[in-house]
Amino acid sequence: MGQPLTVPPPGFDELPVEEQIEYVQSLWNRILRLDQAEVRSPDWHRDEVKAALAEHEANPSAARPWTEVRAELEAKLRRR
């Protein structure tokens, strides 16, 4: 292993939440590109996806558009 990391990296806490999320997402995307064969989803992740899909197939009219959900989440983050 390399040198110990400073967690979080310097300046991270001063970033707006949206930029913190983008930073973490970019790190995750980098890991996936480099070690995709080594990154495996746990069984419980797959079980959650299967359950969500079954729920949607049983009641598709209960689904909400992503744009609506995203707007709601962004509004909640802004109120923090």
N, C-alpha and C. Protein backbone atom coordinates (compact mmCIF):
# COMPACT_ATOMS: atom_id res chain seq x y z
N MET A 1 0.82 -1.19 0.00
CA MET A 1 0.00 0.00 0.00
C MET A 1 0.86 1.25 0.00
N GLY A 2 0.29 2.36 -0.44
CA GLY A 2 1.01 3.61 -0.50
C GLY A 2 0.96 4.35 0.83
N GLN A 3 1.19 5.62 0.75
CA GLN A 3 1.17 6.46 1.94
C GLN A 3 -0.25 6.59 2.48
N PRO A 4 -0.38 6.82 3.81
CA PRO A 4 -1.71 7.03 4.37
C PRO A 4 -2.36 8.27 3.75
N LEU A 5 -3.64 8.18 3.51
CA LEU A 5 -4.37 9.29 2.91
C LEU A 5 -4.97 10.18 3.97
N THR A 6 -5.04 11.47 3.66
CA THR A 6 -5.76 12.40 4.51
C THR A 6 -7.23 12.30 4.12
N VAL A 7 -8.08 11.99 5.09
CA VAL A 7 -9.49 11.83 4.78
C VAL A 7 -10.26 12.87 5.54
N PRO A 8 -11.05 13.67 4.93
CA PRO A 8 -11.10 13.88 3.48
C PRO A 8 -9.87 14.68 3.03
N PRO A 9 -9.67 14.77 1.71
CA PRO A 9 -8.52 15.52 1.22
C PRO A 9 -8.66 17.01 1.59
N PRO A 10 -7.54 17.72 1.70
CA PRO A 10 -7.61 19.14 2.04
C PRO A 10 -8.53 19.91 1.10
N GLY A 11 -9.38 20.75 1.70
CA GLY A 11 -10.30 21.57 0.92
C GLY A 11 -11.64 20.92 0.63
N PHE A 12 -11.74 19.62 0.86
CA PHE A 12 -12.98 18.91 0.53
C PHE A 12 -14.18 19.45 1.30
N ASP A 13 -14.00 19.67 2.60
CA ASP A 13 -15.12 20.13 3.44
C ASP A 13 -15.60 21.52 3.06
N GLU A 14 -14.77 22.29 2.41
CA GLU A 14 -15.17 23.64 2.01
C GLU A 14 -15.98 23.65 0.70
N LEU A 15 -15.97 22.54 -0.02
CA LEU A 15 -16.73 22.46 -1.28
C LEU A 15 -18.22 22.40 -0.99
N PRO A 16 -19.05 22.95 -1.89
CA PRO A 16 -20.49 22.76 -1.76
C PRO A 16 -20.81 21.26 -1.87
N VAL A 17 -21.89 20.83 -1.25
CA VAL A 17 -22.26 19.42 -1.24
C VAL A 17 -22.31 18.84 -2.66
N GLU A 18 -22.86 19.59 -3.59
CA GLU A 18 -22.96 19.10 -4.97
C GLU A 18 -21.57 18.80 -5.54
N GLU A 19 -20.58 19.64 -5.26
CA GLU A 19 -19.22 19.40 -5.75
C GLU A 19 -18.55 18.25 -4.99
N GLN A 20 -18.88 18.08 -3.71
CA GLN A 20 -18.35 16.93 -2.97
C GLN A 20 -18.85 15.64 -3.61
N ILE A 21 -20.13 15.60 -3.95
CA ILE A 21 -20.71 14.41 -4.58
C ILE A 21 -20.05 14.16 -5.93
N GLU A 22 -19.87 15.21 -6.72
CA GLU A 22 -19.21 15.06 -8.02
C GLU A 22 -17.79 14.52 -7.86
N TYR A 23 -17.08 15.01 -6.83
CA TYR A 23 -15.72 14.55 -6.56
C TYR A 23 -15.70 13.05 -6.26
N VAL A 24 -16.58 12.64 -5.35
CA VAL A 24 -16.64 11.23 -4.97
C VAL A 24 -17.04 10.37 -6.17
N GLN A 25 -18.00 10.86 -6.96
CA GLN A 25 -18.42 10.11 -8.15
C GLN A 25 -17.27 9.97 -9.14
N SER A 26 -16.47 11.03 -9.30
CA SER A 26 -15.35 10.93 -10.24
C SER A 26 -14.30 9.94 -9.74
N LEU A 27 -14.10 9.88 -8.41
CA LEU A 27 -13.18 8.88 -7.87
C LEU A 27 -13.69 7.47 -8.13
N TRP A 28 -14.99 7.27 -7.90
CA TRP A 28 -15.58 5.95 -8.13
C TRP A 28 -15.46 5.56 -9.60
N ASN A 29 -15.73 6.50 -10.50
CA ASN A 29 -15.61 6.22 -11.93
C ASN A 29 -14.17 5.84 -12.29
N ARG A 30 -13.21 6.49 -11.65
CA ARG A 30 -11.80 6.17 -11.91
C ARG A 30 -11.48 4.76 -11.44
N ILE A 31 -11.98 4.38 -10.27
CA ILE A 31 -11.76 3.02 -9.76
C ILE A 31 -12.36 2.01 -10.71
N LEU A 32 -13.56 2.26 -11.17
CA LEU A 32 -14.21 1.32 -12.09
C LEU A 32 -13.42 1.16 -13.38
N ARG A 33 -12.87 2.24 -13.90
CA ARG A 33 -12.08 2.16 -15.14
C ARG A 33 -10.81 1.35 -14.92
N LEU A 34 -10.19 1.55 -13.78
CA LEU A 34 -8.90 0.91 -13.54
C LEU A 34 -9.02 -0.56 -13.12
N ASP A 35 -10.01 -0.85 -12.29
CA ASP A 35 -10.09 -2.19 -11.69
C ASP A 35 -11.49 -2.79 -11.85
N GLN A 36 -12.12 -2.59 -12.98
CA GLN A 36 -13.50 -3.02 -13.16
C GLN A 36 -13.71 -4.50 -12.84
N ALA A 37 -12.75 -5.33 -13.17
CA ALA A 37 -12.90 -6.76 -12.91
C ALA A 37 -12.87 -7.04 -11.41
N GLU A 38 -12.25 -6.17 -10.63
CA GLU A 38 -12.13 -6.39 -9.19
C GLU A 38 -13.29 -5.80 -8.39
N VAL A 39 -14.08 -4.92 -9.00
CA VAL A 39 -15.19 -4.28 -8.29
C VAL A 39 -16.44 -5.11 -8.53
N ARG A 40 -16.90 -5.77 -7.48
CA ARG A 40 -18.07 -6.63 -7.60
C ARG A 40 -19.15 -6.11 -6.67
N SER A 41 -20.38 -6.17 -7.14
CA SER A 41 -21.51 -5.78 -6.31
C SER A 41 -21.82 -6.89 -5.32
N PRO A 42 -22.07 -6.52 -4.06
CA PRO A 42 -22.46 -7.56 -3.11
C PRO A 42 -23.82 -8.15 -3.48
N ASP A 43 -24.07 -9.36 -3.04
CA ASP A 43 -25.34 -10.01 -3.35
C ASP A 43 -26.54 -9.18 -2.92
N TRP A 44 -26.42 -8.50 -1.77
CA TRP A 44 -27.57 -7.74 -1.28
C TRP A 44 -27.89 -6.57 -2.21
N HIS A 45 -26.92 -6.04 -2.95
CA HIS A 45 -27.20 -4.99 -3.94
C HIS A 45 -28.07 -5.56 -5.06
N ARG A 46 -27.66 -6.72 -5.56
CA ARG A 46 -28.44 -7.35 -6.63
C ARG A 46 -29.85 -7.70 -6.14
N ASP A 47 -29.97 -8.16 -4.90
CA ASP A 47 -31.28 -8.47 -4.33
C ASP A 47 -32.16 -7.23 -4.27
N GLU A 48 -31.56 -6.10 -3.89
CA GLU A 48 -32.32 -4.84 -3.83
C GLU A 48 -32.82 -4.43 -5.22
N VAL A 49 -31.95 -4.57 -6.20
CA VAL A 49 -32.33 -4.21 -7.57
C VAL A 49 -33.47 -5.11 -8.06
N LYS A 50 -33.35 -6.41 -7.80
CA LYS A 50 -34.40 -7.35 -8.21
C LYS A 50 -35.72 -7.02 -7.53
N ALA A 51 -35.68 -6.69 -6.24
CA ALA A 51 -36.90 -6.35 -5.50
C ALA A 51 -37.52 -5.07 -6.04
N ALA A 52 -36.69 -4.08 -6.32
CA ALA A 52 -37.20 -2.82 -6.87
C ALA A 52 -37.82 -3.03 -8.24
N LEU A 53 -37.18 -3.85 -9.07
CA LEU A 53 -37.72 -4.13 -10.40
C LEU A 53 -39.05 -4.87 -10.29
N ALA A 54 -39.14 -5.85 -9.40
CA ALA A 54 -40.39 -6.59 -9.21
C ALA A 54 -41.51 -5.65 -8.74
N GLU A 55 -41.16 -4.75 -7.83
CA GLU A 55 -42.15 -3.78 -7.33
C GLU A 55 -42.63 -2.88 -8.47
N HIS A 56 -41.70 -2.42 -9.30
CA HIS A 56 -42.07 -1.58 -10.44
C HIS A 56 -42.95 -2.34 -11.43
N GLU A 57 -42.57 -3.58 -11.72
CA GLU A 57 -43.37 -4.36 -12.66
C GLU A 57 -44.77 -4.64 -12.13
N ALA A 58 -44.91 -4.76 -10.81
CA ALA A 58 -46.22 -4.99 -10.21
C ALA A 58 -47.08 -3.73 -10.22
N ASN A 59 -46.44 -2.54 -10.19
CA ASN A 59 -47.20 -1.30 -10.14
C ASN A 59 -46.43 -0.19 -10.86
N PRO A 60 -46.35 -0.26 -12.20
CA PRO A 60 -45.54 0.71 -12.94
C PRO A 60 -46.05 2.14 -12.83
N SER A 61 -47.33 2.33 -12.54
CA SER A 61 -47.86 3.70 -12.46
C SER A 61 -47.38 4.43 -11.21
N ALA A 62 -46.79 3.72 -10.26
CA ALA A 62 -46.27 4.35 -9.05
C ALA A 62 -44.91 5.01 -9.28
N ALA A 63 -44.29 4.75 -10.41
CA ALA A 63 -42.97 5.30 -10.69
C ALA A 63 -43.06 6.80 -10.94
N ARG A 64 -41.96 7.49 -10.61
CA ARG A 64 -41.88 8.93 -10.85
C ARG A 64 -40.73 9.18 -11.81
N PRO A 65 -40.86 10.18 -12.66
CA PRO A 65 -39.77 10.49 -13.59
C PRO A 65 -38.51 10.91 -12.83
N TRP A 66 -37.34 10.53 -13.37
CA TRP A 66 -36.07 10.87 -12.74
C TRP A 66 -35.93 12.37 -12.56
N THR A 67 -36.36 13.17 -13.52
CA THR A 67 -36.23 14.62 -13.41
C THR A 67 -36.96 15.15 -12.18
N GLU A 68 -38.10 14.57 -11.87
CA GLU A 68 -38.88 14.98 -10.69
C GLU A 68 -38.16 14.57 -9.40
N VAL A 69 -37.67 13.35 -9.36
CA VAL A 69 -36.97 12.86 -8.17
C VAL A 69 -35.70 13.68 -7.94
N ARG A 70 -34.95 13.92 -9.00
CA ARG A 70 -33.71 14.68 -8.89
C ARG A 70 -33.98 16.10 -8.38
N ALA A 71 -35.00 16.75 -8.94
CA ALA A 71 -35.34 18.11 -8.50
C ALA A 71 -35.69 18.12 -7.01
N GLU A 72 -36.41 17.11 -6.56
CA GLU A 72 -36.77 17.01 -5.14
C GLU A 72 -35.52 16.84 -4.26
N LEU A 73 -34.62 15.97 -4.69
CA LEU A 73 -33.39 15.75 -3.93
C LEU A 73 -32.52 17.01 -3.89
N GLU A 74 -32.40 17.68 -5.02
CA GLU A 74 -31.60 18.90 -5.06
C GLU A 74 -32.20 19.98 -4.16
N ALA A 75 -33.52 20.07 -4.13
CA ALA A 75 -34.19 21.05 -3.26
C ALA A 75 -33.90 20.72 -1.80
N LYS A 76 -33.92 19.45 -1.43
CA LYS A 76 -33.61 19.05 -0.05
C LYS A 76 -32.17 19.41 0.30
N LEU A 77 -31.24 19.19 -0.62
CA LEU A 77 -29.83 19.52 -0.37
C LEU A 77 -29.64 21.02 -0.20
N ARG A 78 -30.36 21.81 -0.98
CA ARG A 78 -30.23 23.28 -0.87
C ARG A 78 -30.75 23.78 0.48
N ARG A 79 -31.74 23.10 1.06
CA ARG A 79 -32.31 23.53 2.34
C ARG A 79 -31.41 23.21 3.52
N ARG A 80 -30.40 22.40 3.33
CA ARG A 80 -29.48 22.02 4.44
C ARG A 80 -28.67 23.18 4.91
